[in-house]
Protein backbone atom coordinates (compact mmCIF):
# COMPACT_ATOMS: atom_id res chain seq x y z
CA MET A 1 93.97 161.02 82.55
CA ASP A 2 93.49 163.71 79.74
CA GLN A 3 90.46 161.41 78.38
CA ASP A 4 89.08 161.66 81.88
CA ARG A 5 89.54 165.59 81.77
CA THR A 6 87.93 165.98 78.65
CA PHE A 7 84.78 163.85 79.06
CA ALA A 8 84.42 165.40 82.74
CA ALA A 9 84.60 168.91 80.53
CA LYS A 10 82.04 167.89 78.16
CA LEU A 11 79.87 166.64 80.78
CA THR A 12 80.22 169.95 82.74
CA ALA A 13 79.39 172.03 79.67
CA THR A 14 76.54 170.21 78.58
CA ALA A 15 75.05 170.42 82.20
CA LYS A 16 75.72 174.61 82.15
CA ALA A 17 73.99 174.61 78.59
CA VAL A 18 70.99 172.43 79.89
CA GLU A 19 70.38 174.33 82.97
CA ALA A 20 70.54 177.57 81.12
CA ARG A 21 67.70 176.58 79.05
CA ILE A 22 65.94 175.07 81.69
CA VAL A 23 66.20 178.69 83.80
CA ALA A 24 65.02 180.37 80.79
CA ALA A 25 61.93 177.86 80.35
CA LEU A 26 61.19 178.82 83.97
CA ALA A 27 61.32 182.54 83.32
CA ALA A 28 57.59 184.45 83.93
CA ASN A 29 57.74 185.96 80.74
CA GLU A 30 57.84 182.96 78.68
CA ALA A 31 54.31 181.51 77.16
CA LEU A 32 54.64 178.32 79.03
CA MET A 33 55.06 180.12 82.43
CA ALA A 34 53.20 183.13 82.11
CA GLY A 35 51.10 184.05 85.38
CA ALA A 36 52.27 180.99 87.04
CA PRO A 37 52.14 181.72 90.93
CA GLU A 38 55.51 182.64 92.15
CA ARG A 39 55.68 179.66 95.18
CA LEU A 40 54.99 177.28 92.48
CA VAL A 41 57.98 178.41 90.22
CA ALA A 42 60.15 178.43 93.19
CA ALA A 43 59.72 174.93 94.12
CA MET A 44 60.25 173.86 90.93
CA ARG A 45 63.30 175.79 90.60
CA HIS A 46 64.26 173.74 93.81
CA GLY A 47 63.64 170.83 92.21
CA VAL A 48 65.28 170.87 88.88
CA LEU A 49 68.10 173.48 89.30
CA ASN A 50 69.70 171.78 92.48
CA GLY A 51 72.62 170.35 90.89
CA GLY A 52 73.30 166.73 89.31
CA LYS A 53 75.82 165.78 86.83
CA ARG A 54 72.63 165.92 84.16
CA LEU A 55 73.80 162.66 82.23
CA ARG A 56 70.67 161.96 80.81
CA PRO A 57 70.57 165.28 79.01
CA PHE A 58 74.36 164.90 78.17
CA LEU A 59 73.07 161.56 76.18
CA VAL A 60 70.32 163.52 74.56
CA VAL A 61 73.06 166.11 73.11
CA GLU A 62 75.77 163.68 72.30
CA THR A 63 73.49 161.18 70.27
CA ALA A 64 71.72 164.38 68.69
CA ARG A 65 75.25 165.48 67.57
CA LEU A 66 76.03 162.24 66.31
CA CYS A 67 73.13 161.81 64.16
CA GLY A 68 73.29 165.56 62.80
CA ALA A 69 70.59 166.89 64.65
CA PRO A 70 69.95 170.81 65.19
CA GLU A 71 72.14 171.94 68.45
CA ALA A 72 69.09 173.95 69.93
CA ALA A 73 66.53 171.16 69.54
CA ALA A 74 68.65 168.74 71.45
CA LEU A 75 69.00 171.31 74.02
CA ASP A 76 65.16 171.70 74.20
CA VAL A 77 64.81 168.02 74.52
CA ALA A 78 67.65 167.62 76.85
CA ALA A 79 66.05 170.10 79.19
CA ALA A 80 62.42 168.47 78.84
CA LEU A 81 64.00 165.18 79.58
CA GLU A 82 65.81 166.97 83.31
CA CYS A 83 62.57 168.29 83.90
CA ILE A 84 60.75 165.04 84.06
CA HIS A 85 63.87 163.37 85.74
CA SER A 86 63.65 165.93 88.65
CA TYR A 87 59.99 165.66 88.94
CA SER A 88 60.08 161.98 89.48
CA LEU A 89 62.68 162.56 92.15
CA VAL A 90 60.62 165.09 93.65
CA HIS A 91 57.76 162.61 93.90
CA ASP A 92 59.90 159.69 94.90
CA ASP A 93 61.21 162.07 97.86
CA LEU A 94 57.76 162.03 99.21
CA PRO A 95 56.70 160.49 102.60
CA ALA A 96 54.45 158.32 100.58
CA MET A 97 57.51 156.86 98.76
CA ASP A 98 61.06 156.83 99.70
CA ASP A 99 60.70 159.61 102.60
CA ASP A 100 63.87 161.58 102.11
CA ASP A 101 64.81 164.57 103.46
CA LEU A 102 67.93 165.47 101.37
CA ARG A 103 68.51 165.42 97.60
CA ARG A 104 72.11 166.25 96.36
CA GLY A 105 72.92 167.76 99.83
CA GLN A 106 69.87 169.86 99.97
CA PRO A 107 66.48 169.90 101.49
CA THR A 108 64.01 167.94 99.42
CA VAL A 109 61.13 170.06 97.83
CA HIS A 110 58.32 168.76 100.19
CA ILE A 111 61.01 169.52 103.19
CA ALA A 112 61.85 173.01 101.71
CA PHE A 113 58.35 174.06 100.73
CA ASP A 114 55.30 171.47 101.93
CA GLU A 115 54.16 168.14 100.64
CA ALA A 116 51.37 169.60 98.32
CA THR A 117 53.68 172.14 96.66
CA ALA A 118 55.89 169.55 96.19
CA ILE A 119 53.42 167.44 94.40
CA LEU A 120 51.94 169.97 92.05
CA ALA A 121 55.84 171.30 91.67
CA GLY A 122 56.32 167.79 89.95
CA ASP A 123 53.17 167.97 88.07
CA ALA A 124 54.27 171.32 86.36
CA LEU A 125 57.72 170.17 85.42
CA LEU A 126 55.98 166.96 83.90
CA THR A 127 53.79 168.96 81.62
CA LEU A 128 56.35 171.60 80.98
CA ALA A 129 58.56 168.92 79.59
CA PHE A 130 55.92 168.39 76.73
CA GLY A 131 55.82 171.95 75.84
CA LEU A 132 59.60 172.06 75.75
CA VAL A 133 59.73 168.96 73.24
CA ALA A 134 56.50 170.27 71.16
CA GLY A 135 58.17 173.62 70.57
CA ALA A 136 61.70 172.14 69.99
CA HIS A 137 63.52 174.97 67.79
CA ASP A 138 64.72 174.04 64.44
CA ALA A 139 63.45 170.22 64.73
CA ASP A 140 61.41 168.42 61.75
CA PRO A 141 57.60 168.41 63.21
CA VAL A 142 57.49 165.05 62.03
CA ALA A 143 60.73 164.23 64.16
CA ARG A 144 59.36 166.38 67.35
CA LEU A 145 55.99 163.97 67.13
CA HIS A 146 58.44 160.83 67.28
CA VAL A 147 60.05 162.11 70.43
CA VAL A 148 56.96 163.21 72.16
CA HIS A 149 55.20 160.04 71.48
CA ALA A 150 58.79 157.97 72.90
CA LEU A 151 58.83 160.18 75.72
CA SER A 152 55.29 159.44 76.58
CA ARG A 153 56.02 155.77 76.43
CA GLU A 154 59.07 155.90 78.42
CA ALA A 155 58.11 158.26 81.44
CA GLY A 156 54.72 156.66 81.94
CA ALA A 157 53.21 153.30 83.12
CA ALA A 158 55.00 151.14 80.65
CA GLY A 159 58.18 153.13 81.56
CA MET A 160 59.44 155.03 84.62
CA VAL A 161 56.19 155.31 86.48
CA GLY A 162 55.21 151.46 85.81
CA GLY A 163 58.92 150.69 87.36
CA GLN A 164 58.53 152.89 90.58
CA VAL A 165 55.03 150.84 90.72
CA LEU A 166 57.02 147.44 90.59
CA ASP A 167 59.56 148.90 92.92
CA LEU A 168 57.28 150.07 95.49
CA ALA A 169 55.44 146.50 95.89
CA ALA A 170 58.51 144.67 95.53
CA GLU A 171 59.43 146.21 99.06
CA SER A 172 56.55 143.78 100.81
CA ALA A 173 57.64 140.86 98.56
CA ASP A 174 59.29 138.04 100.25
CA SER A 175 62.01 137.49 97.20
CA LEU A 176 62.57 138.47 93.39
CA THR A 177 64.00 136.76 90.78
CA GLU A 178 67.10 138.28 88.75
CA ALA A 179 64.66 138.62 85.91
CA GLU A 180 62.12 140.44 88.03
CA ILE A 181 64.67 142.91 89.53
CA ALA A 182 66.48 143.47 85.68
CA ARG A 183 62.67 144.15 84.48
CA MET A 184 61.89 146.56 87.18
CA GLN A 185 65.20 148.73 87.06
CA ALA A 186 64.74 148.74 83.60
CA MET A 187 61.58 150.50 83.52
CA LYS A 188 62.19 152.45 86.59
CA THR A 189 65.70 153.71 85.51
CA GLY A 190 66.57 152.43 82.28
CA ALA A 191 63.50 153.58 80.29
CA LEU A 192 64.57 157.53 80.52
CA ILE A 193 68.11 156.81 79.61
CA ALA A 194 67.52 154.72 76.74
CA PHE A 195 64.97 157.62 75.70
CA ALA A 196 67.79 159.92 76.01
CA CYS A 197 69.61 158.23 73.21
CA GLU A 198 66.83 157.37 70.93
CA ALA A 199 65.70 160.92 71.09
CA GLY A 200 68.98 162.10 70.02
CA ALA A 201 68.64 159.83 66.90
CA LEU A 202 65.13 160.56 66.33
CA LEU A 203 66.11 164.43 66.10
CA GLY A 204 68.34 163.37 63.54
CA GLU A 205 66.26 161.47 61.67
CA ALA A 206 68.40 158.37 61.50
CA PRO A 207 67.53 155.36 59.91
CA PRO A 208 65.91 152.70 62.04
CA GLU A 209 68.82 150.18 62.24
CA ARG A 210 71.18 152.97 63.75
CA ARG A 211 68.27 154.51 66.10
CA ALA A 212 67.63 151.09 67.30
CA ARG A 213 71.29 150.64 68.01
CA LEU A 214 71.83 153.64 69.97
CA ARG A 215 68.70 152.87 72.00
CA ARG A 216 70.27 149.62 72.73
CA TYR A 217 73.29 151.30 74.02
CA GLY A 218 71.21 153.78 76.21
CA GLU A 219 69.34 150.50 77.69
CA ILE A 220 72.76 148.98 78.44
CA VAL A 221 73.66 152.40 80.09
CA GLY A 222 70.30 152.32 81.96
CA LEU A 223 71.05 149.01 83.48
CA ALA A 224 74.85 150.05 84.72
CA PHE A 225 73.39 153.09 85.99
CA GLN A 226 71.00 151.36 88.27
CA LEU A 227 73.70 148.67 89.12
CA ALA A 228 75.97 151.17 90.09
CA ASP A 229 73.55 153.43 92.18
CA ASP A 230 72.59 149.96 94.14
CA LEU A 231 76.30 149.02 94.94
CA LEU A 232 76.73 152.74 96.23
CA ASP A 233 73.56 152.76 98.43
CA GLU A 234 75.32 149.75 100.16
CA THR A 235 79.25 150.85 99.92
CA ALA A 236 79.12 154.89 99.97
CA ASP A 237 78.24 157.44 102.75
CA ALA A 238 75.64 160.12 102.86
CA ALA A 239 78.54 162.55 102.29
CA GLN A 240 79.22 161.08 99.07
CA LEU A 241 75.78 160.47 98.13
CA GLY A 242 74.18 163.62 99.00
CA LYS A 243 71.42 161.53 100.23
CA ALA A 244 70.66 159.23 103.09
CA ALA A 245 72.85 156.00 102.41
CA GLY A 246 71.99 152.45 103.29
CA LYS A 247 67.93 152.89 102.96
CA ASP A 248 67.48 150.21 99.92
CA ARG A 249 68.34 146.99 102.06
CA ALA A 250 66.52 148.83 105.07
CA ARG A 251 63.18 149.12 103.25
CA GLY A 252 63.49 145.75 101.71
CA LYS A 253 63.99 147.10 98.41
CA LYS A 254 65.22 144.21 95.72
CA THR A 255 68.66 144.73 94.21
CA LEU A 256 71.17 142.63 92.31
CA PRO A 257 73.86 143.77 94.63
CA ALA A 258 71.87 142.16 97.70
CA LEU A 259 70.80 139.20 95.37
CA HIS A 260 74.56 138.23 94.09
CA GLY A 261 76.83 140.49 96.29
CA HIS A 262 79.31 143.08 95.63
CA ASP A 263 81.95 141.03 93.57
CA TRP A 264 79.09 139.95 90.95
CA THR A 265 78.20 143.47 90.56
CA ARG A 266 81.27 144.94 89.75
CA ALA A 267 81.89 142.25 87.19
CA ARG A 268 78.40 142.58 85.56
CA LEU A 269 79.26 146.49 85.41
CA ALA A 270 82.50 145.76 83.30
CA ALA A 271 80.43 143.37 81.25
CA LEU A 272 77.79 145.73 80.54
CA VAL A 273 80.53 148.80 79.86
CA ALA A 274 82.00 146.23 77.06
CA GLU A 275 78.66 145.76 75.62
CA ALA A 276 78.09 149.36 75.33
CA ASN A 277 81.36 149.77 73.62
CA ALA A 278 80.33 147.03 71.32
CA LEU A 279 77.27 149.06 70.10
CA LEU A 280 79.16 151.90 69.63
CA GLU A 281 81.95 150.58 67.27
CA PRO A 282 80.06 151.46 64.09
CA GLU A 283 80.18 155.23 65.11
CA GLY A 284 83.90 155.42 65.07
CA ALA A 285 85.57 158.05 66.99
CA GLU A 286 82.95 160.40 66.54
CA ALA A 287 81.05 158.28 69.49
CA ALA A 288 84.16 158.66 71.90
CA ALA A 289 82.17 160.90 74.72
CA LEU A 290 79.55 158.03 74.45
CA ALA A 291 81.96 155.35 75.28
CA GLU A 292 83.68 157.60 78.34
CA ALA A 293 79.79 157.91 79.45
CA ALA A 294 79.20 154.35 79.87
CA ARG A 295 82.64 153.78 81.67
CA PHE A 296 81.85 156.98 83.77
CA VAL A 297 78.48 155.58 84.94
CA ALA A 298 79.66 152.50 85.74
CA GLU A 299 82.86 153.70 87.75
CA ARG A 300 81.07 156.49 89.80
CA THR A 301 81.48 157.10 93.09
CA SER A 302 78.80 159.07 94.02
């Protein structure tokens, strides 16, 4: 129980630090935002500062700490990653995609503003993210370049965006194999979570073997995150989720819980946590927060 409280406190503290960095980045006197239209900035703030656990930024900060990276650089990259994750949600909620009216219990950006503003706010958050990484404080210039390159790959056509395309196409497919679902989810959800762990290692200039191992840990956590998310969509209610529940099956989305059932899903989640912990063993006690993060992802109820 004490371990749970310690992890929850660390997650909350990191979320607050990252949110403060995002607030600062969206300020009108910042070079990247100077002269931006007020309505656009308001929509960006609505999309990125509407709560959430900030798990992806937490993984950046923790892996960066583990690898001895500058804290300021880690916060910049963590804030950038949250901007990209949030832009993807803003676009995902649009009528042309998942058509959601609620996100984290609040009106989605296209409901609070309008569809065109939501699209442009998402575009602006994506662009801001690369500015934050390129200007990451105290980071080695070569390390920054490697992070930019990795983020471009994982957020783009070979990663998150490509996964979203596969997810939309799957809605009209008669069926998908387990391998096809796993590939789609590894791209749509897992890519940014894997990047979060790789980015911390890149900022800390970790050797290739350590970087690959931490990235693999991120891939496993990404799989667990999507699996738990799909299970929650089938078993939780809207009050728990902060958005409509049961929409995946209604829209014909292909998920592993739908393919294999709830008992299989829970057993698979437990196996993924064990695999994540095994990858962290060489890091020793310093990786305790990352081990707790894997368990938290698998056991979350919202």
